[in-house]
Amino acid sequence: MRLANSSAVRPYDDALIPSVIIKETLTRGWNFVNYEVNTDWISAPQKNILKISKTLNLKGKNNSFLYSGYLNIPADGNYTFSLKTEGQAFMRLHDIALIDEDSNYQSGTLKSQTLNLSKGFHPIKLYIKNSTSTPFVQLQLAEQNDTPKDINQFIFSNK
């Protein structure tokens, strides 16, 4: 799967990205790991000590977070993801590098990306690295041309 690219058009660019089948019981909220990173870029955690959080709260003793779960899309259609943070962030939906706020990102800038998604669950990962004493993240989802909504209401985890 990939993002549509106007300079490299593919016949499947407008196709719905299929949801995944979940056989386990899900609960509302994110799985998350709080970990320390001492690099200029975002990296994955070395240990996966998962906790559950209902929101993207950025509370922890270390400077980096990995939030993961399943995004529950209510109906087939185009969905726009909008992300803004005071640090660095990198977001994946399935294996698609959806939003990259890692290198050359101006803190506090809103970045958006639109995907054509099928109804159902889609795996999502959000890596965040804090760079301030007052961490902030805003992640929203809008269907078609609808008003953006806080993404937390669409997130489920399997922990």
N, C-alpha and C. Protein backbone atom coordinates (compact mmCIF):
# COMPACT_ATOMS: atom_id res chain seq x y z
N MET A 1 0.84 -1.18 0.00
CA MET A 1 0.00 0.00 0.00
C MET A 1 0.88 1.23 0.00
N ARG A 2 0.35 2.28 -0.62
CA ARG A 2 1.12 3.51 -0.69
C ARG A 2 0.19 4.70 -0.81
N LEU A 3 0.76 5.88 -0.61
CA LEU A 3 0.01 7.10 -0.84
C LEU A 3 -0.11 7.34 -2.33
N ALA A 4 -1.22 7.92 -2.74
CA ALA A 4 -1.36 8.32 -4.14
C ALA A 4 -0.35 9.42 -4.43
N ASN A 5 0.21 9.42 -5.65
CA ASN A 5 1.21 10.40 -6.04
C ASN A 5 0.87 10.89 -7.43
N SER A 6 0.58 12.18 -7.56
CA SER A 6 0.15 12.72 -8.85
C SER A 6 1.25 12.64 -9.91
N SER A 7 2.52 12.54 -9.50
CA SER A 7 3.60 12.45 -10.48
C SER A 7 3.89 10.99 -10.87
N ALA A 8 3.27 10.04 -10.18
CA ALA A 8 3.44 8.63 -10.50
C ALA A 8 2.09 7.94 -10.31
N VAL A 9 1.17 8.24 -11.19
CA VAL A 9 -0.20 7.74 -11.10
C VAL A 9 -0.24 6.23 -11.31
N ARG A 10 -1.02 5.56 -10.45
CA ARG A 10 -1.23 4.13 -10.55
C ARG A 10 -2.73 3.88 -10.73
N PRO A 11 -3.13 2.81 -11.39
CA PRO A 11 -4.56 2.56 -11.60
C PRO A 11 -5.33 2.31 -10.31
N TYR A 12 -4.64 1.96 -9.23
CA TYR A 12 -5.31 1.67 -7.96
C TYR A 12 -5.26 2.84 -6.98
N ASP A 13 -4.82 4.01 -7.41
CA ASP A 13 -4.71 5.15 -6.50
C ASP A 13 -6.04 5.52 -5.85
N ASP A 14 -7.15 5.33 -6.56
CA ASP A 14 -8.46 5.69 -6.01
C ASP A 14 -9.16 4.51 -5.33
N ALA A 15 -8.52 3.36 -5.31
CA ALA A 15 -9.12 2.17 -4.70
C ALA A 15 -9.16 2.33 -3.18
N LEU A 16 -10.15 1.72 -2.55
CA LEU A 16 -10.24 1.73 -1.10
C LEU A 16 -9.11 0.90 -0.50
N ILE A 17 -8.52 1.39 0.56
CA ILE A 17 -7.53 0.61 1.30
C ILE A 17 -8.33 -0.32 2.20
N PRO A 18 -8.14 -1.63 2.06
CA PRO A 18 -8.98 -2.57 2.81
C PRO A 18 -8.68 -2.57 4.31
N SER A 19 -9.71 -2.83 5.09
CA SER A 19 -9.55 -2.97 6.54
C SER A 19 -9.00 -4.35 6.84
N VAL A 20 -8.63 -4.57 8.10
CA VAL A 20 -8.12 -5.87 8.53
C VAL A 20 -9.18 -6.57 9.38
N ILE A 21 -9.10 -7.88 9.42
CA ILE A 21 -10.02 -8.66 10.25
C ILE A 21 -9.38 -8.85 11.62
N ILE A 22 -10.11 -8.48 12.65
CA ILE A 22 -9.64 -8.60 14.02
C ILE A 22 -10.42 -9.73 14.69
N LYS A 23 -9.70 -10.74 15.18
CA LYS A 23 -10.36 -11.88 15.82
C LYS A 23 -10.37 -11.75 17.34
N GLU A 24 -9.54 -10.89 17.88
CA GLU A 24 -9.47 -10.74 19.32
C GLU A 24 -10.42 -9.63 19.80
N THR A 25 -10.69 -9.61 21.07
CA THR A 25 -11.54 -8.59 21.66
C THR A 25 -10.77 -7.28 21.77
N LEU A 26 -11.39 -6.19 21.35
CA LEU A 26 -10.76 -4.88 21.41
C LEU A 26 -11.41 -4.02 22.50
N THR A 27 -10.64 -3.07 22.99
CA THR A 27 -11.13 -2.12 23.98
C THR A 27 -10.79 -0.72 23.49
N ARG A 28 -11.55 0.28 23.91
CA ARG A 28 -11.27 1.66 23.49
C ARG A 28 -9.93 2.11 24.04
N GLY A 29 -9.19 2.83 23.22
CA GLY A 29 -7.93 3.40 23.67
C GLY A 29 -6.73 2.91 22.87
N TRP A 30 -5.60 3.50 23.17
CA TRP A 30 -4.33 3.23 22.52
C TRP A 30 -3.49 2.28 23.36
N ASN A 31 -2.69 1.43 22.73
CA ASN A 31 -1.56 0.80 23.39
C ASN A 31 -0.45 1.84 23.32
N PHE A 32 0.34 1.99 24.40
CA PHE A 32 1.45 2.93 24.28
C PHE A 32 2.66 2.49 25.09
N VAL A 33 3.81 2.95 24.63
CA VAL A 33 5.10 2.71 25.27
C VAL A 33 5.77 4.06 25.42
N ASN A 34 6.31 4.34 26.61
CA ASN A 34 7.07 5.56 26.85
C ASN A 34 8.54 5.14 26.95
N TYR A 35 9.41 5.75 26.15
CA TYR A 35 10.82 5.33 26.10
C TYR A 35 11.72 6.52 25.84
N GLU A 36 13.00 6.32 26.05
CA GLU A 36 13.99 7.39 25.89
C GLU A 36 14.73 7.24 24.56
N VAL A 37 14.89 8.36 23.86
CA VAL A 37 15.65 8.39 22.60
C VAL A 37 16.66 9.51 22.70
N ASN A 38 17.91 9.22 22.38
CA ASN A 38 18.97 10.22 22.43
C ASN A 38 19.55 10.46 21.05
N THR A 39 18.67 10.60 20.07
CA THR A 39 19.08 10.88 18.69
C THR A 39 18.31 12.09 18.19
N ASP A 40 18.69 12.59 17.04
CA ASP A 40 17.98 13.73 16.44
C ASP A 40 16.72 13.29 15.71
N TRP A 41 16.54 12.01 15.55
CA TRP A 41 15.39 11.49 14.81
C TRP A 41 14.57 10.57 15.71
N ILE A 42 13.40 10.22 15.25
CA ILE A 42 12.53 9.30 15.98
C ILE A 42 12.97 7.88 15.69
N SER A 43 13.04 7.08 16.73
CA SER A 43 13.34 5.66 16.53
C SER A 43 12.35 4.82 17.33
N ALA A 44 12.29 3.54 17.02
CA ALA A 44 11.36 2.64 17.69
C ALA A 44 11.89 2.26 19.07
N PRO A 45 10.99 1.91 19.99
CA PRO A 45 11.44 1.51 21.33
C PRO A 45 12.16 0.17 21.29
N GLN A 46 13.11 0.01 22.21
CA GLN A 46 13.84 -1.26 22.32
C GLN A 46 13.04 -2.30 23.07
N LYS A 47 12.17 -1.85 23.98
CA LYS A 47 11.31 -2.74 24.75
C LYS A 47 9.87 -2.33 24.55
N ASN A 48 9.00 -3.30 24.46
CA ASN A 48 7.57 -3.02 24.30
C ASN A 48 6.82 -3.33 25.58
N ILE A 49 6.86 -2.41 26.54
CA ILE A 49 6.08 -2.54 27.77
C ILE A 49 4.81 -1.73 27.55
N LEU A 50 3.78 -2.42 27.12
CA LEU A 50 2.56 -1.75 26.70
C LEU A 50 1.67 -1.37 27.87
N LYS A 51 1.10 -0.19 27.74
CA LYS A 51 0.08 0.30 28.66
C LYS A 51 -1.09 0.74 27.79
N ILE A 52 -2.20 1.05 28.43
CA ILE A 52 -3.38 1.51 27.70
C ILE A 52 -3.66 2.96 28.08
N SER A 53 -4.00 3.78 27.09
CA SER A 53 -4.39 5.17 27.33
C SER A 53 -5.58 5.49 26.45
N LYS A 54 -6.57 6.15 27.01
CA LYS A 54 -7.76 6.53 26.24
C LYS A 54 -7.46 7.69 25.29
N THR A 55 -6.42 8.45 25.58
CA THR A 55 -6.08 9.62 24.76
C THR A 55 -4.57 9.67 24.52
N LEU A 56 -4.16 10.58 23.65
CA LEU A 56 -2.74 10.85 23.41
C LEU A 56 -2.29 11.86 24.47
N ASN A 57 -1.92 11.38 25.66
CA ASN A 57 -1.69 12.29 26.77
C ASN A 57 -0.24 12.72 26.97
N LEU A 58 0.72 12.07 26.38
CA LEU A 58 2.15 12.43 26.46
C LEU A 58 2.64 12.58 27.89
N LYS A 59 2.18 11.72 28.77
CA LYS A 59 2.65 11.74 30.15
C LYS A 59 3.55 10.54 30.38
N GLY A 60 4.78 10.83 30.78
CA GLY A 60 5.74 9.78 31.04
C GLY A 60 7.07 10.40 31.40
N LYS A 61 7.97 9.61 31.97
CA LYS A 61 9.25 10.16 32.40
C LYS A 61 10.26 10.28 31.26
N ASN A 62 10.00 9.61 30.14
CA ASN A 62 10.94 9.63 29.03
C ASN A 62 10.44 10.54 27.91
N ASN A 63 11.29 10.81 26.93
CA ASN A 63 10.98 11.82 25.92
C ASN A 63 10.24 11.31 24.69
N SER A 64 10.01 10.00 24.57
CA SER A 64 9.41 9.47 23.35
C SER A 64 8.26 8.51 23.66
N PHE A 65 7.33 8.45 22.71
CA PHE A 65 6.14 7.61 22.87
C PHE A 65 5.85 6.89 21.56
N LEU A 66 5.35 5.68 21.69
CA LEU A 66 4.78 4.96 20.56
C LEU A 66 3.34 4.63 20.94
N TYR A 67 2.40 5.18 20.18
CA TYR A 67 0.98 4.88 20.36
C TYR A 67 0.57 3.99 19.20
N SER A 68 -0.14 2.90 19.50
CA SER A 68 -0.59 2.00 18.45
C SER A 68 -1.98 1.49 18.78
N GLY A 69 -2.66 1.04 17.75
CA GLY A 69 -3.99 0.50 17.93
C GLY A 69 -4.65 0.27 16.59
N TYR A 70 -5.96 0.26 16.61
CA TYR A 70 -6.75 0.08 15.39
C TYR A 70 -7.72 1.24 15.25
N LEU A 71 -7.69 1.85 14.11
CA LEU A 71 -8.60 2.94 13.78
C LEU A 71 -9.88 2.33 13.22
N ASN A 72 -11.02 2.64 13.82
CA ASN A 72 -12.30 2.10 13.37
C ASN A 72 -12.97 3.10 12.43
N ILE A 73 -12.96 2.79 11.14
CA ILE A 73 -13.55 3.67 10.13
C ILE A 73 -15.03 3.27 9.97
N PRO A 74 -15.95 4.24 10.16
CA PRO A 74 -17.38 3.92 10.17
C PRO A 74 -18.00 3.63 8.81
N ALA A 75 -17.41 4.15 7.73
CA ALA A 75 -17.98 3.95 6.39
C ALA A 75 -16.89 4.13 5.35
N ASP A 76 -17.05 3.51 4.18
CA ASP A 76 -16.11 3.71 3.08
C ASP A 76 -16.04 5.19 2.72
N GLY A 77 -14.83 5.68 2.38
CA GLY A 77 -14.72 7.06 1.93
C GLY A 77 -13.33 7.63 2.09
N ASN A 78 -13.21 8.91 1.74
CA ASN A 78 -11.96 9.64 1.89
C ASN A 78 -11.88 10.21 3.30
N TYR A 79 -10.75 9.99 3.95
CA TYR A 79 -10.53 10.48 5.31
C TYR A 79 -9.25 11.29 5.34
N THR A 80 -9.32 12.45 5.97
CA THR A 80 -8.15 13.32 6.10
C THR A 80 -7.65 13.28 7.53
N PHE A 81 -6.38 12.96 7.68
CA PHE A 81 -5.70 12.94 8.97
C PHE A 81 -4.93 14.24 9.10
N SER A 82 -5.04 14.90 10.26
CA SER A 82 -4.31 16.14 10.53
C SER A 82 -3.55 15.97 11.83
N LEU A 83 -2.25 16.30 11.80
CA LEU A 83 -1.38 16.10 12.95
C LEU A 83 -0.56 17.35 13.20
N LYS A 84 -0.52 17.75 14.48
CA LYS A 84 0.31 18.88 14.89
C LYS A 84 0.90 18.55 16.25
N THR A 85 2.20 18.83 16.43
CA THR A 85 2.86 18.54 17.70
C THR A 85 3.94 19.58 17.97
N GLU A 86 4.36 19.65 19.22
CA GLU A 86 5.45 20.56 19.61
C GLU A 86 6.80 19.88 19.49
N GLY A 87 6.81 18.63 19.15
CA GLY A 87 8.07 17.90 18.99
C GLY A 87 8.18 17.35 17.59
N GLN A 88 8.51 16.09 17.50
CA GLN A 88 8.60 15.39 16.22
C GLN A 88 7.59 14.24 16.25
N ALA A 89 7.09 13.86 15.08
CA ALA A 89 6.14 12.75 15.01
C ALA A 89 6.25 12.05 13.67
N PHE A 90 5.86 10.78 13.68
CA PHE A 90 5.83 9.99 12.46
C PHE A 90 4.64 9.04 12.60
N MET A 91 3.77 9.02 11.59
CA MET A 91 2.54 8.23 11.69
C MET A 91 2.43 7.26 10.53
N ARG A 92 2.03 6.03 10.86
CA ARG A 92 1.79 4.99 9.87
C ARG A 92 0.35 4.50 9.99
N LEU A 93 -0.26 4.22 8.84
CA LEU A 93 -1.53 3.52 8.78
C LEU A 93 -1.27 2.31 7.90
N HIS A 94 -1.52 1.11 8.41
CA HIS A 94 -1.04 -0.12 7.80
C HIS A 94 0.48 0.04 7.68
N ASP A 95 1.06 -0.10 6.51
CA ASP A 95 2.50 0.15 6.32
C ASP A 95 2.76 1.46 5.60
N ILE A 96 1.74 2.26 5.45
CA ILE A 96 1.87 3.53 4.73
C ILE A 96 2.48 4.58 5.66
N ALA A 97 3.55 5.21 5.21
CA ALA A 97 4.12 6.34 5.95
C ALA A 97 3.20 7.53 5.68
N LEU A 98 2.26 7.75 6.58
CA LEU A 98 1.17 8.70 6.33
C LEU A 98 1.59 10.15 6.56
N ILE A 99 2.14 10.45 7.73
CA ILE A 99 2.57 11.81 8.03
C ILE A 99 3.96 11.75 8.66
N ASP A 100 4.88 12.53 8.09
CA ASP A 100 6.27 12.56 8.57
C ASP A 100 6.57 13.95 9.11
N GLU A 101 6.62 14.05 10.44
CA GLU A 101 6.99 15.30 11.10
C GLU A 101 8.30 15.07 11.86
N ASP A 102 9.18 14.30 11.24
CA ASP A 102 10.44 13.96 11.89
C ASP A 102 11.52 14.96 11.50
N SER A 103 12.09 14.83 10.33
CA SER A 103 13.16 15.73 9.93
C SER A 103 12.59 16.97 9.23
N ASN A 104 13.22 18.09 9.46
CA ASN A 104 12.84 19.38 8.86
C ASN A 104 11.41 19.79 9.16
N TYR A 105 10.87 19.35 10.29
CA TYR A 105 9.51 19.73 10.69
C TYR A 105 9.59 20.93 11.61
N GLN A 106 8.81 21.96 11.29
CA GLN A 106 8.72 23.13 12.16
C GLN A 106 7.68 22.85 13.22
N SER A 107 8.11 22.79 14.47
CA SER A 107 7.24 22.48 15.59
C SER A 107 5.97 23.33 15.57
N GLY A 108 4.81 22.69 15.78
CA GLY A 108 3.53 23.39 15.82
C GLY A 108 2.84 23.54 14.48
N THR A 109 3.46 23.06 13.40
CA THR A 109 2.87 23.16 12.06
C THR A 109 1.90 22.00 11.84
N LEU A 110 0.73 22.29 11.28
CA LEU A 110 -0.26 21.27 10.99
C LEU A 110 0.07 20.60 9.65
N LYS A 111 0.14 19.27 9.66
CA LYS A 111 0.34 18.50 8.43
C LYS A 111 -0.86 17.59 8.24
N SER A 112 -1.29 17.42 6.99
CA SER A 112 -2.47 16.61 6.69
C SER A 112 -2.20 15.67 5.53
N GLN A 113 -2.97 14.58 5.50
CA GLN A 113 -2.89 13.61 4.42
C GLN A 113 -4.25 12.92 4.31
N THR A 114 -4.68 12.66 3.07
CA THR A 114 -5.98 12.03 2.82
C THR A 114 -5.79 10.65 2.22
N LEU A 115 -6.60 9.70 2.73
CA LEU A 115 -6.60 8.34 2.22
C LEU A 115 -8.04 7.90 1.95
N ASN A 116 -8.19 6.97 1.01
CA ASN A 116 -9.48 6.38 0.67
C ASN A 116 -9.57 5.04 1.42
N LEU A 117 -10.35 5.00 2.49
CA LEU A 117 -10.38 3.85 3.39
C LEU A 117 -11.70 3.10 3.34
N SER A 118 -11.61 1.79 3.47
CA SER A 118 -12.82 0.98 3.57
C SER A 118 -13.28 0.94 5.03
N LYS A 119 -14.56 0.66 5.22
CA LYS A 119 -15.14 0.55 6.55
C LYS A 119 -14.43 -0.59 7.30
N GLY A 120 -14.19 -0.37 8.59
CA GLY A 120 -13.58 -1.40 9.42
C GLY A 120 -12.33 -0.91 10.13
N PHE A 121 -11.55 -1.85 10.62
CA PHE A 121 -10.36 -1.54 11.42
C PHE A 121 -9.09 -1.45 10.57
N HIS A 122 -8.28 -0.44 10.88
CA HIS A 122 -7.01 -0.19 10.19
C HIS A 122 -5.92 0.00 11.24
N PRO A 123 -4.82 -0.77 11.17
CA PRO A 123 -3.75 -0.59 12.16
C PRO A 123 -3.08 0.77 12.02
N ILE A 124 -2.83 1.40 13.16
CA ILE A 124 -2.24 2.73 13.18
C ILE A 124 -1.12 2.77 14.21
N LYS A 125 -0.04 3.50 13.88
CA LYS A 125 1.08 3.73 14.81
C LYS A 125 1.46 5.19 14.74
N LEU A 126 1.69 5.77 15.89
CA LEU A 126 2.12 7.16 15.98
C LEU A 126 3.32 7.23 16.91
N TYR A 127 4.47 7.63 16.35
CA TYR A 127 5.70 7.82 17.11
C TYR A 127 5.81 9.31 17.41
N ILE A 128 6.09 9.65 18.67
CA ILE A 128 6.22 11.05 19.07
C ILE A 128 7.48 11.21 19.90
N LYS A 129 8.23 12.27 19.60
CA LYS A 129 9.42 12.61 20.40
C LYS A 129 9.24 14.05 20.89
N ASN A 130 9.21 14.21 22.21
CA ASN A 130 9.04 15.53 22.82
C ASN A 130 10.32 16.35 22.71
N SER A 131 10.16 17.64 22.53
CA SER A 131 11.32 18.51 22.53
C SER A 131 11.11 19.72 23.44
N THR A 132 9.97 19.75 24.13
CA THR A 132 9.68 20.87 25.01
C THR A 132 9.23 20.36 26.38
N SER A 133 9.18 21.26 27.34
CA SER A 133 8.70 20.89 28.68
C SER A 133 7.17 20.85 28.73
N THR A 134 6.52 21.36 27.71
CA THR A 134 5.05 21.31 27.64
C THR A 134 4.63 20.59 26.36
N PRO A 135 4.75 19.26 26.35
CA PRO A 135 4.44 18.50 25.14
C PRO A 135 2.98 18.65 24.73
N PHE A 136 2.76 18.63 23.43
CA PHE A 136 1.43 18.81 22.88
C PHE A 136 1.31 17.99 21.60
N VAL A 137 0.18 17.34 21.42
CA VAL A 137 -0.10 16.66 20.16
C VAL A 137 -1.59 16.80 19.87
N GLN A 138 -1.90 17.08 18.62
CA GLN A 138 -3.28 17.14 18.15
C GLN A 138 -3.38 16.26 16.91
N LEU A 139 -4.23 15.24 16.99
CA LEU A 139 -4.44 14.33 15.87
C LEU A 139 -5.93 14.25 15.62
N GLN A 140 -6.33 14.63 14.40
CA GLN A 140 -7.74 14.66 14.05
C GLN A 140 -8.01 13.88 12.79
N LEU A 141 -9.28 13.50 12.63
CA LEU A 141 -9.73 12.74 11.48
C LEU A 141 -11.00 13.39 10.96
N ALA A 142 -11.06 13.59 9.63
CA ALA A 142 -12.26 14.16 9.00
C ALA A 142 -12.68 13.27 7.84
N GLU A 143 -13.98 12.96 7.79
CA GLU A 143 -14.54 12.19 6.68
C GLU A 143 -15.00 13.14 5.60
N GLN A 144 -14.63 12.84 4.34
CA GLN A 144 -14.96 13.68 3.18
C GLN A 144 -14.66 15.14 3.52
N ASN A 145 -15.63 16.01 3.45
CA ASN A 145 -15.42 17.44 3.77
C ASN A 145 -16.02 17.80 5.11
N ASP A 146 -16.15 16.84 6.01
CA ASP A 146 -16.74 17.04 7.32
C ASP A 146 -15.76 17.76 8.25
N THR A 147 -16.27 18.22 9.38
CA THR A 147 -15.46 18.87 10.39
C THR A 147 -14.52 17.84 11.03
N PRO A 148 -13.23 18.19 11.20
CA PRO A 148 -12.30 17.26 11.85
C PRO A 148 -12.73 16.93 13.27
N LYS A 149 -12.52 15.65 13.66
CA LYS A 149 -12.87 15.19 15.01
C LYS A 149 -11.62 14.62 15.65
N ASP A 150 -11.58 14.70 16.98
CA ASP A 150 -10.48 14.11 17.73
C ASP A 150 -10.42 12.61 17.42
N ILE A 151 -9.25 12.11 17.07
CA ILE A 151 -9.13 10.73 16.61
C ILE A 151 -9.32 9.70 17.73
N ASN A 152 -9.17 10.12 18.98
CA ASN A 152 -9.26 9.18 20.10
C ASN A 152 -10.57 8.40 20.12
N GLN A 153 -11.66 9.00 19.66
CA GLN A 153 -12.96 8.31 19.68
C GLN A 153 -13.04 7.17 18.67
N PHE A 154 -12.09 7.08 17.75
CA PHE A 154 -12.08 6.03 16.72
C PHE A 154 -11.04 4.94 16.99
N ILE A 155 -10.31 5.03 18.12
CA ILE A 155 -9.18 4.14 18.37
C ILE A 155 -9.54 3.01 19.33
N PHE A 156 -9.07 1.80 18.98
CA PHE A 156 -9.25 0.62 19.82
C PHE A 156 -7.92 -0.11 19.93
N SER A 157 -7.73 -0.85 21.02
CA SER A 157 -6.50 -1.62 21.20
C SER A 157 -6.86 -3.05 21.59
N ASN A 158 -5.88 -3.91 21.50
CA ASN A 158 -6.10 -5.33 21.77
C ASN A 158 -5.45 -5.78 23.07
N LYS A 159 -5.14 -4.91 23.95
CA LYS A 159 -4.49 -5.26 25.22
C LYS A 159 -5.52 -5.39 26.31
